[in-house]
């Protein structure tokens, strides 16, 4: 099915919400990170182990094995 696209109006709202959340987190000492939603399967299995139930396997149209991180 793919991933979701947001319109410019929706993105403006999302950015304001995220900015407010990030500012609150930073006030309490948190740091901002940005992680990919999809990663190569070999990358995630190296982190979580081959038989881990923490990743969801996907395959793109070109046959490349991708995985979705468990926390996303």
N, C-alpha and C. Protein backbone atom coordinates (compact mmCIF):
# COMPACT_ATOMS: atom_id res chain seq x y z
N UNK A 1 0.80 -1.19 0.00
CA UNK A 1 0.00 0.00 0.00
C UNK A 1 0.85 1.26 0.00
N UNK A 2 2.04 1.21 0.53
CA UNK A 2 2.89 2.40 0.56
C UNK A 2 2.79 3.14 1.88
N UNK A 3 3.37 4.31 1.89
CA UNK A 3 3.33 5.15 3.09
C UNK A 3 2.42 6.34 2.83
N UNK A 4 2.05 7.00 3.88
CA UNK A 4 1.08 8.09 3.79
C UNK A 4 1.73 9.39 3.32
N UNK A 5 1.03 10.11 2.46
CA UNK A 5 1.44 11.44 2.03
C UNK A 5 0.58 12.47 2.77
N UNK A 6 1.19 13.59 3.11
CA UNK A 6 0.47 14.67 3.80
C UNK A 6 0.41 15.89 2.89
N UNK A 7 -0.72 16.56 2.91
CA UNK A 7 -0.89 17.79 2.13
C UNK A 7 -0.12 18.92 2.82
N UNK A 8 0.13 20.03 2.12
CA UNK A 8 0.82 21.16 2.76
C UNK A 8 0.11 21.65 4.03
N UNK A 9 -1.23 21.69 4.01
CA UNK A 9 -1.97 22.13 5.19
C UNK A 9 -1.77 21.14 6.35
N UNK A 10 -1.84 19.85 6.05
CA UNK A 10 -1.63 18.84 7.08
C UNK A 10 -0.20 18.91 7.63
N UNK A 11 0.76 19.14 6.76
CA UNK A 11 2.16 19.23 7.20
C UNK A 11 2.38 20.43 8.10
N UNK A 12 1.73 21.54 7.81
CA UNK A 12 1.87 22.73 8.66
C UNK A 12 1.37 22.42 10.07
N UNK A 13 0.23 21.73 10.16
CA UNK A 13 -0.31 21.36 11.47
C UNK A 13 0.64 20.38 12.17
N UNK A 14 1.11 19.36 11.44
CA UNK A 14 2.03 18.37 12.03
C UNK A 14 3.29 19.05 12.55
N UNK A 15 3.84 19.98 11.79
CA UNK A 15 5.06 20.66 12.21
C UNK A 15 4.84 21.47 13.48
N UNK A 16 3.70 22.17 13.57
CA UNK A 16 3.42 22.94 14.79
C UNK A 16 3.29 22.02 16.00
N UNK A 17 2.61 20.90 15.82
CA UNK A 17 2.44 19.95 16.93
C UNK A 17 3.79 19.37 17.33
N UNK A 18 4.57 18.91 16.35
CA UNK A 18 5.89 18.35 16.65
C UNK A 18 6.81 19.39 17.29
N UNK A 19 6.76 20.63 16.81
CA UNK A 19 7.59 21.69 17.41
C UNK A 19 7.24 21.89 18.88
N UNK A 20 5.95 21.87 19.20
CA UNK A 20 5.53 22.04 20.60
C UNK A 20 6.00 20.86 21.46
N UNK A 21 5.86 19.66 20.94
CA UNK A 21 6.29 18.47 21.68
C UNK A 21 7.80 18.48 21.87
N UNK A 22 8.54 18.76 20.82
CA UNK A 22 10.01 18.79 20.90
C UNK A 22 10.48 19.85 21.88
N UNK A 23 9.87 21.02 21.85
CA UNK A 23 10.25 22.09 22.77
C UNK A 23 10.02 21.66 24.22
N UNK A 24 8.91 20.99 24.48
CA UNK A 24 8.62 20.50 25.83
C UNK A 24 9.65 19.46 26.26
N UNK A 25 9.95 18.52 25.38
CA UNK A 25 10.94 17.49 25.70
C UNK A 25 12.31 18.10 25.97
N UNK A 26 12.70 19.09 25.15
CA UNK A 26 14.01 19.73 25.32
C UNK A 26 14.10 20.46 26.65
N UNK A 27 13.00 21.09 27.08
CA UNK A 27 12.98 21.76 28.38
C UNK A 27 13.29 20.80 29.52
N UNK A 28 13.00 19.54 29.30
CA UNK A 28 13.22 18.52 30.34
C UNK A 28 14.47 17.69 30.06
N UNK A 29 15.34 18.19 29.18
CA UNK A 29 16.63 17.55 28.97
C UNK A 29 16.71 16.51 27.87
N UNK A 30 15.66 16.28 27.13
CA UNK A 30 15.70 15.29 26.05
C UNK A 30 16.46 15.83 24.84
N UNK A 31 16.94 14.91 24.04
CA UNK A 31 17.61 15.27 22.80
C UNK A 31 16.81 14.72 21.63
N UNK A 32 16.86 15.41 20.49
CA UNK A 32 16.11 15.01 19.31
C UNK A 32 16.91 13.99 18.51
N UNK A 33 16.24 12.93 18.06
CA UNK A 33 16.84 11.99 17.12
C UNK A 33 15.87 11.79 15.98
N UNK A 34 16.37 11.30 14.87
CA UNK A 34 15.53 10.97 13.72
C UNK A 34 16.00 9.63 13.21
N UNK A 35 15.10 8.65 13.20
CA UNK A 35 15.47 7.31 12.76
C UNK A 35 14.61 6.90 11.58
N UNK A 36 15.15 6.08 10.70
CA UNK A 36 14.36 5.64 9.55
C UNK A 36 13.26 4.66 9.98
N UNK A 37 12.15 4.70 9.28
CA UNK A 37 11.07 3.76 9.56
C UNK A 37 11.43 2.39 9.00
N UNK A 38 11.90 2.36 7.74
CA UNK A 38 12.29 1.12 7.10
C UNK A 38 13.80 1.01 7.10
N UNK A 39 14.31 -0.17 7.35
CA UNK A 39 15.74 -0.42 7.27
C UNK A 39 15.97 -1.73 6.55
N UNK A 40 17.18 -1.91 6.04
CA UNK A 40 17.52 -3.19 5.45
C UNK A 40 17.40 -4.27 6.52
N UNK A 41 16.90 -5.42 6.13
CA UNK A 41 16.69 -6.50 7.10
C UNK A 41 18.00 -6.87 7.79
N UNK A 42 19.09 -6.92 7.04
CA UNK A 42 20.38 -7.31 7.63
C UNK A 42 20.81 -6.33 8.73
N UNK A 43 20.46 -5.06 8.59
CA UNK A 43 20.80 -4.07 9.61
C UNK A 43 20.04 -4.36 10.91
N UNK A 44 18.74 -4.60 10.80
CA UNK A 44 17.95 -4.85 11.99
C UNK A 44 18.24 -6.20 12.63
N UNK A 45 18.48 -7.22 11.82
CA UNK A 45 18.79 -8.52 12.43
C UNK A 45 20.13 -8.46 13.15
N UNK A 46 21.02 -7.60 12.71
CA UNK A 46 22.28 -7.41 13.42
C UNK A 46 22.06 -6.77 14.78
N UNK A 47 21.03 -5.92 14.88
CA UNK A 47 20.73 -5.25 16.15
C UNK A 47 19.91 -6.13 17.09
N UNK A 48 18.91 -6.85 16.56
CA UNK A 48 17.94 -7.55 17.38
C UNK A 48 18.04 -9.08 17.32
N UNK A 49 18.85 -9.61 16.43
CA UNK A 49 18.96 -11.06 16.30
C UNK A 49 18.09 -11.61 15.18
N UNK A 50 18.50 -12.70 14.61
CA UNK A 50 17.84 -13.27 13.43
C UNK A 50 16.39 -13.68 13.68
N UNK A 51 16.12 -14.32 14.82
CA UNK A 51 14.77 -14.84 15.06
C UNK A 51 13.94 -13.92 15.95
N UNK A 52 14.33 -12.67 16.04
CA UNK A 52 13.63 -11.74 16.91
C UNK A 52 12.22 -11.45 16.40
N UNK A 53 11.29 -11.34 17.32
CA UNK A 53 9.92 -10.98 16.97
C UNK A 53 9.73 -9.47 17.05
N UNK A 54 10.84 -8.73 17.11
CA UNK A 54 10.77 -7.28 17.24
C UNK A 54 10.79 -6.56 15.89
N UNK A 55 10.91 -7.31 14.79
CA UNK A 55 10.92 -6.68 13.47
C UNK A 55 9.87 -7.32 12.58
N UNK A 56 9.38 -6.54 11.63
CA UNK A 56 8.38 -7.00 10.68
C UNK A 56 9.01 -6.98 9.29
N UNK A 57 9.05 -8.13 8.63
CA UNK A 57 9.70 -8.24 7.33
C UNK A 57 8.81 -7.70 6.21
N UNK A 58 9.46 -7.04 5.28
CA UNK A 58 8.81 -6.47 4.10
C UNK A 58 9.68 -6.80 2.90
N UNK A 59 9.13 -6.75 1.72
CA UNK A 59 9.93 -6.91 0.51
C UNK A 59 9.47 -5.85 -0.48
N UNK A 60 10.42 -5.09 -1.01
CA UNK A 60 10.02 -4.07 -1.98
C UNK A 60 9.81 -4.71 -3.34
N UNK A 61 9.34 -3.94 -4.30
CA UNK A 61 9.03 -4.48 -5.62
C UNK A 61 10.25 -5.00 -6.35
N UNK A 62 11.42 -4.52 -5.98
CA UNK A 62 12.66 -5.00 -6.59
C UNK A 62 13.20 -6.25 -5.92
N UNK A 63 12.51 -6.73 -4.87
CA UNK A 63 12.92 -7.94 -4.19
C UNK A 63 13.87 -7.72 -3.02
N UNK A 64 14.19 -6.46 -2.73
CA UNK A 64 15.10 -6.18 -1.61
C UNK A 64 14.37 -6.44 -0.29
N UNK A 65 15.05 -7.10 0.65
CA UNK A 65 14.44 -7.39 1.94
C UNK A 65 14.60 -6.20 2.87
N UNK A 66 13.46 -5.67 3.28
CA UNK A 66 13.42 -4.54 4.21
C UNK A 66 12.69 -4.99 5.46
N UNK A 67 12.82 -4.24 6.51
CA UNK A 67 12.10 -4.54 7.75
C UNK A 67 11.60 -3.25 8.36
N UNK A 68 10.51 -3.37 9.09
CA UNK A 68 9.93 -2.27 9.82
C UNK A 68 10.34 -2.43 11.27
N UNK A 69 10.86 -1.38 11.84
CA UNK A 69 11.30 -1.44 13.24
C UNK A 69 10.09 -1.68 14.14
N UNK A 70 10.29 -2.49 15.17
CA UNK A 70 9.19 -2.86 16.07
C UNK A 70 8.58 -1.65 16.77
N UNK A 71 9.40 -0.63 17.05
CA UNK A 71 8.89 0.51 17.80
C UNK A 71 8.23 1.55 16.92
N UNK A 72 8.17 1.29 15.61
CA UNK A 72 7.51 2.23 14.71
C UNK A 72 6.29 1.59 14.08
